[in-house]
């Protein structure tokens, strides 16, 4: 997987993209849950949740409601290090995480 910065379509419009890597689906609840560790080639993750939630990324993260806020149904990309994990907390729902490089 590798990141394609500034890719362009047939009309010449540019966009940021990542190749699809390992996908994860994590249930969200009132207790922090963890996805990972990520592959040694992972340097970016794309996340999208079906409910508002909070995430933390690191070697041993624990998400709290003071962590990074992720609104429902918005895809966000975050840089990470290989071997990092992602922790999520919120109400009932799912977080979808795709690893990229």
N, C-alpha and C. Protein backbone atom coordinates (compact mmCIF):
# COMPACT_ATOMS: atom_id res chain seq x y z
N UNK A 1 0.85 -1.17 0.00
CA UNK A 1 0.00 0.00 0.00
C UNK A 1 0.89 1.22 0.00
N UNK A 2 0.55 2.19 -0.79
CA UNK A 2 1.28 3.44 -0.72
C UNK A 2 0.35 4.60 -0.97
N UNK A 3 0.69 5.71 -0.36
CA UNK A 3 -0.12 6.91 -0.46
C UNK A 3 0.15 7.58 -1.80
N UNK A 4 -0.86 8.02 -2.47
CA UNK A 4 -0.71 8.73 -3.73
C UNK A 4 -1.11 10.17 -3.47
N UNK A 5 -0.16 11.02 -3.17
CA UNK A 5 -0.46 12.42 -2.89
C UNK A 5 -0.68 13.15 -4.21
N UNK A 6 -1.73 13.92 -4.29
CA UNK A 6 -1.98 14.74 -5.47
C UNK A 6 -2.27 13.92 -6.72
N UNK A 7 -2.96 12.81 -6.61
CA UNK A 7 -3.37 12.05 -7.79
C UNK A 7 -4.37 12.89 -8.58
N UNK A 8 -4.54 12.57 -9.86
CA UNK A 8 -5.51 13.32 -10.64
C UNK A 8 -6.37 12.37 -11.46
N UNK A 9 -7.60 12.82 -11.73
CA UNK A 9 -8.52 12.01 -12.52
C UNK A 9 -8.39 12.37 -14.00
N UNK A 10 -9.24 11.79 -14.83
CA UNK A 10 -9.16 12.00 -16.27
C UNK A 10 -9.39 13.45 -16.67
N UNK A 11 -10.05 14.22 -15.82
CA UNK A 11 -10.30 15.63 -16.11
C UNK A 11 -9.20 16.53 -15.56
N UNK A 12 -8.23 15.94 -14.87
CA UNK A 12 -7.13 16.72 -14.31
C UNK A 12 -7.38 17.23 -12.90
N UNK A 13 -8.53 16.89 -12.31
CA UNK A 13 -8.82 17.30 -10.94
C UNK A 13 -7.95 16.49 -9.98
N UNK A 14 -7.34 17.14 -9.00
CA UNK A 14 -6.46 16.44 -8.06
C UNK A 14 -7.21 16.05 -6.79
N UNK A 15 -6.71 15.01 -6.13
CA UNK A 15 -7.30 14.53 -4.89
C UNK A 15 -6.27 13.72 -4.14
N UNK A 16 -6.43 13.62 -2.82
CA UNK A 16 -5.58 12.77 -2.00
C UNK A 16 -6.21 11.39 -1.94
N UNK A 17 -5.39 10.35 -1.97
CA UNK A 17 -5.91 8.99 -1.94
C UNK A 17 -4.90 8.06 -1.27
N UNK A 18 -5.39 6.95 -0.76
CA UNK A 18 -4.53 5.87 -0.30
C UNK A 18 -5.01 4.60 -0.97
N UNK A 19 -4.07 3.67 -1.22
CA UNK A 19 -4.49 2.35 -1.67
C UNK A 19 -5.22 1.68 -0.52
N UNK A 20 -6.24 0.91 -0.81
CA UNK A 20 -6.97 0.21 0.23
C UNK A 20 -6.08 -0.87 0.84
N UNK A 21 -5.96 -0.83 2.15
CA UNK A 21 -5.17 -1.82 2.87
C UNK A 21 -6.07 -2.67 3.73
N UNK A 22 -5.54 -3.12 4.85
CA UNK A 22 -6.29 -3.99 5.74
C UNK A 22 -7.46 -3.23 6.37
N UNK A 23 -8.69 -3.69 6.17
CA UNK A 23 -9.84 -3.03 6.79
C UNK A 23 -10.16 -3.65 8.16
N UNK A 24 -10.66 -2.83 9.05
CA UNK A 24 -11.07 -3.28 10.38
C UNK A 24 -12.44 -2.70 10.68
N UNK A 25 -13.26 -3.45 11.39
CA UNK A 25 -14.54 -2.96 11.90
C UNK A 25 -14.52 -3.19 13.40
N UNK A 26 -14.68 -2.09 14.17
CA UNK A 26 -14.63 -2.17 15.62
C UNK A 26 -15.93 -1.65 16.20
N UNK A 27 -16.55 -2.42 17.07
CA UNK A 27 -17.76 -1.95 17.77
C UNK A 27 -17.38 -0.83 18.72
N UNK A 28 -18.25 0.18 18.79
CA UNK A 28 -18.06 1.32 19.68
C UNK A 28 -19.03 1.19 20.84
N UNK A 29 -18.53 1.41 22.05
CA UNK A 29 -19.39 1.37 23.23
C UNK A 29 -18.86 2.38 24.25
N UNK A 30 -19.41 2.35 25.43
CA UNK A 30 -18.99 3.25 26.50
C UNK A 30 -17.65 2.91 27.10
N UNK A 31 -17.05 1.79 26.67
CA UNK A 31 -15.72 1.40 27.12
C UNK A 31 -14.76 1.47 25.94
N UNK A 32 -13.53 1.90 26.18
CA UNK A 32 -12.53 2.00 25.11
C UNK A 32 -12.24 0.62 24.52
N UNK A 33 -12.20 0.56 23.19
CA UNK A 33 -11.86 -0.66 22.46
C UNK A 33 -10.68 -0.35 21.55
N UNK A 34 -9.89 -1.37 21.22
CA UNK A 34 -8.66 -1.15 20.46
C UNK A 34 -8.63 -1.93 19.16
N UNK A 35 -8.12 -1.27 18.10
CA UNK A 35 -7.84 -1.88 16.80
C UNK A 35 -6.33 -1.86 16.64
N UNK A 36 -5.74 -2.97 16.24
CA UNK A 36 -4.30 -2.99 16.00
C UNK A 36 -3.63 -4.05 16.85
N UNK A 37 -2.31 -4.10 16.78
CA UNK A 37 -1.41 -3.11 16.16
C UNK A 37 -1.47 -3.17 14.63
N UNK A 38 -1.13 -2.01 14.02
CA UNK A 38 -1.12 -1.89 12.57
C UNK A 38 0.12 -2.56 11.99
N UNK A 39 0.06 -2.87 10.70
CA UNK A 39 1.16 -3.52 9.99
C UNK A 39 2.40 -2.64 9.97
N UNK A 40 3.54 -3.25 9.74
CA UNK A 40 4.81 -2.52 9.71
C UNK A 40 4.88 -1.52 8.56
N UNK A 41 4.03 -1.68 7.54
CA UNK A 41 4.02 -0.76 6.40
C UNK A 41 3.01 0.38 6.55
N UNK A 42 2.24 0.38 7.62
CA UNK A 42 1.18 1.37 7.80
C UNK A 42 1.73 2.69 8.32
N UNK A 43 1.39 3.80 7.63
CA UNK A 43 1.79 5.13 8.08
C UNK A 43 0.61 6.09 8.11
N UNK A 44 -0.57 5.63 7.65
CA UNK A 44 -1.78 6.44 7.67
C UNK A 44 -2.98 5.50 7.85
N UNK A 45 -3.98 5.98 8.59
CA UNK A 45 -5.23 5.24 8.71
C UNK A 45 -6.39 6.16 8.34
N UNK A 46 -7.37 5.60 7.66
CA UNK A 46 -8.60 6.31 7.38
C UNK A 46 -9.67 5.73 8.28
N UNK A 47 -10.40 6.61 8.96
CA UNK A 47 -11.44 6.17 9.89
C UNK A 47 -12.77 6.81 9.52
N UNK A 48 -13.84 6.07 9.73
CA UNK A 48 -15.19 6.58 9.54
C UNK A 48 -16.10 5.80 10.48
N UNK A 49 -16.89 6.50 11.27
CA UNK A 49 -17.79 5.86 12.22
C UNK A 49 -19.23 6.16 11.85
N UNK A 50 -20.13 5.28 12.28
CA UNK A 50 -21.55 5.54 12.04
C UNK A 50 -22.21 6.23 13.22
N UNK A 51 -21.39 6.62 14.20
CA UNK A 51 -21.85 7.40 15.36
C UNK A 51 -20.70 8.30 15.81
N UNK A 52 -21.01 9.40 16.48
CA UNK A 52 -19.94 10.26 17.01
C UNK A 52 -19.08 9.44 17.97
N UNK A 53 -17.76 9.67 17.94
CA UNK A 53 -16.86 8.94 18.82
C UNK A 53 -15.58 9.74 19.04
N UNK A 54 -14.70 9.21 19.86
CA UNK A 54 -13.40 9.81 20.14
C UNK A 54 -12.35 8.74 19.95
N UNK A 55 -11.19 9.13 19.36
CA UNK A 55 -10.13 8.15 19.11
C UNK A 55 -8.80 8.64 19.66
N UNK A 56 -7.91 7.70 19.91
CA UNK A 56 -6.52 7.97 20.27
C UNK A 56 -5.67 6.97 19.49
N UNK A 57 -4.51 7.41 19.01
CA UNK A 57 -3.59 6.56 18.26
C UNK A 57 -2.23 6.60 18.94
N UNK A 58 -1.60 5.44 19.09
CA UNK A 58 -0.28 5.37 19.69
C UNK A 58 0.11 3.94 19.97
N UNK A 59 1.19 3.76 20.74
CA UNK A 59 1.67 2.40 21.01
C UNK A 59 0.77 1.65 21.99
N UNK A 60 0.14 2.35 22.93
CA UNK A 60 -0.81 1.73 23.87
C UNK A 60 -1.90 2.74 24.20
N UNK A 61 -2.71 3.14 23.21
CA UNK A 61 -3.69 4.20 23.44
C UNK A 61 -4.93 3.74 24.21
N UNK A 62 -5.50 4.68 24.95
CA UNK A 62 -6.81 4.47 25.57
C UNK A 62 -7.63 5.73 25.30
N UNK A 63 -8.64 5.62 24.46
CA UNK A 63 -9.48 6.76 24.12
C UNK A 63 -10.37 7.15 25.29
N UNK A 64 -10.57 8.45 25.43
CA UNK A 64 -11.51 9.02 26.40
C UNK A 64 -12.32 10.09 25.67
N UNK A 65 -13.28 10.66 26.32
CA UNK A 65 -14.06 11.74 25.69
C UNK A 65 -13.26 13.04 25.61
N UNK A 66 -12.02 13.04 26.05
CA UNK A 66 -11.10 14.16 25.86
C UNK A 66 -10.14 13.91 24.69
N UNK A 67 -10.25 12.75 24.05
CA UNK A 67 -9.40 12.41 22.91
C UNK A 67 -9.90 13.12 21.65
N UNK A 68 -9.32 12.80 20.50
CA UNK A 68 -9.70 13.42 19.23
C UNK A 68 -11.13 13.02 18.85
N UNK A 69 -11.95 14.03 18.60
CA UNK A 69 -13.36 13.82 18.26
C UNK A 69 -13.50 13.45 16.78
N UNK A 70 -14.30 12.45 16.49
CA UNK A 70 -14.62 12.05 15.12
C UNK A 70 -16.13 12.07 14.95
N UNK A 71 -16.64 13.00 14.15
CA UNK A 71 -18.09 13.05 13.93
C UNK A 71 -18.56 11.87 13.09
N UNK A 72 -19.81 11.49 13.27
CA UNK A 72 -20.39 10.38 12.53
C UNK A 72 -20.38 10.63 11.03
N UNK A 73 -20.12 9.58 10.27
CA UNK A 73 -20.23 9.57 8.81
C UNK A 73 -19.31 10.55 8.10
N UNK A 74 -18.15 10.84 8.72
CA UNK A 74 -17.13 11.69 8.10
C UNK A 74 -15.83 10.89 8.06
N UNK A 75 -15.29 10.66 6.85
CA UNK A 75 -14.03 9.92 6.73
C UNK A 75 -12.87 10.87 7.02
N UNK A 76 -12.00 10.46 7.93
CA UNK A 76 -10.84 11.26 8.32
C UNK A 76 -9.59 10.41 8.18
N UNK A 77 -8.46 11.05 7.84
CA UNK A 77 -7.18 10.35 7.72
C UNK A 77 -6.24 10.87 8.80
N UNK A 78 -5.50 9.95 9.42
CA UNK A 78 -4.55 10.29 10.47
C UNK A 78 -3.22 9.60 10.20
N UNK A 79 -2.13 10.32 10.42
CA UNK A 79 -0.80 9.72 10.35
C UNK A 79 -0.60 8.84 11.57
N UNK A 80 0.18 7.79 11.41
CA UNK A 80 0.50 6.90 12.52
C UNK A 80 1.85 6.25 12.25
N UNK A 81 2.35 5.54 13.23
CA UNK A 81 3.60 4.80 13.09
C UNK A 81 3.28 3.32 12.94
N UNK A 82 4.17 2.59 12.28
CA UNK A 82 3.97 1.14 12.18
C UNK A 82 3.94 0.57 13.59
N UNK A 83 3.07 -0.39 13.80
CA UNK A 83 2.93 -1.00 15.12
C UNK A 83 2.01 -0.26 16.07
N UNK A 84 1.56 0.96 15.69
CA UNK A 84 0.61 1.69 16.53
C UNK A 84 -0.74 0.97 16.54
N UNK A 85 -1.56 1.33 17.50
CA UNK A 85 -2.94 0.86 17.59
C UNK A 85 -3.85 2.08 17.68
N UNK A 86 -5.14 1.85 17.52
CA UNK A 86 -6.14 2.91 17.62
C UNK A 86 -7.15 2.48 18.67
N UNK A 87 -7.49 3.39 19.56
CA UNK A 87 -8.50 3.14 20.58
C UNK A 87 -9.70 4.05 20.29
N UNK A 88 -10.90 3.54 20.53
CA UNK A 88 -12.12 4.30 20.26
C UNK A 88 -13.09 4.14 21.42
N UNK A 89 -13.83 5.22 21.68
CA UNK A 89 -14.89 5.20 22.69
C UNK A 89 -16.04 6.08 22.20
N UNK A 90 -17.25 5.75 22.58
CA UNK A 90 -18.42 6.52 22.19
C UNK A 90 -19.67 5.80 22.66
N UNK A 91 -20.76 6.02 21.94
CA UNK A 91 -21.99 5.29 22.25
C UNK A 91 -22.09 4.11 21.30
N UNK A 92 -23.19 3.49 21.19
CA UNK A 92 -23.37 2.30 20.36
C UNK A 92 -23.18 2.61 18.88
N UNK A 93 -22.31 1.83 18.21
CA UNK A 93 -22.07 2.00 16.79
C UNK A 93 -20.86 1.23 16.34
N UNK A 94 -20.34 1.58 15.16
CA UNK A 94 -19.17 0.92 14.60
C UNK A 94 -18.18 1.95 14.06
N UNK A 95 -16.90 1.62 14.17
CA UNK A 95 -15.82 2.41 13.57
C UNK A 95 -15.18 1.55 12.51
N UNK A 96 -15.00 2.12 11.33
CA UNK A 96 -14.36 1.42 10.21
C UNK A 96 -12.99 2.05 10.01
N UNK A 97 -11.95 1.24 10.04
CA UNK A 97 -10.57 1.71 9.95
C UNK A 97 -9.91 1.01 8.76
N UNK A 98 -9.24 1.78 7.88
CA UNK A 98 -8.48 1.20 6.79
C UNK A 98 -7.03 1.66 6.91
N UNK A 99 -6.12 0.68 6.93
CA UNK A 99 -4.70 0.98 7.00
C UNK A 99 -4.19 1.38 5.62
N UNK A 100 -3.23 2.28 5.58
CA UNK A 100 -2.58 2.70 4.34
C UNK A 100 -1.12 3.03 4.62
N UNK A 101 -0.38 3.31 3.55
CA UNK A 101 1.04 3.62 3.73
C UNK A 101 1.41 4.86 2.96
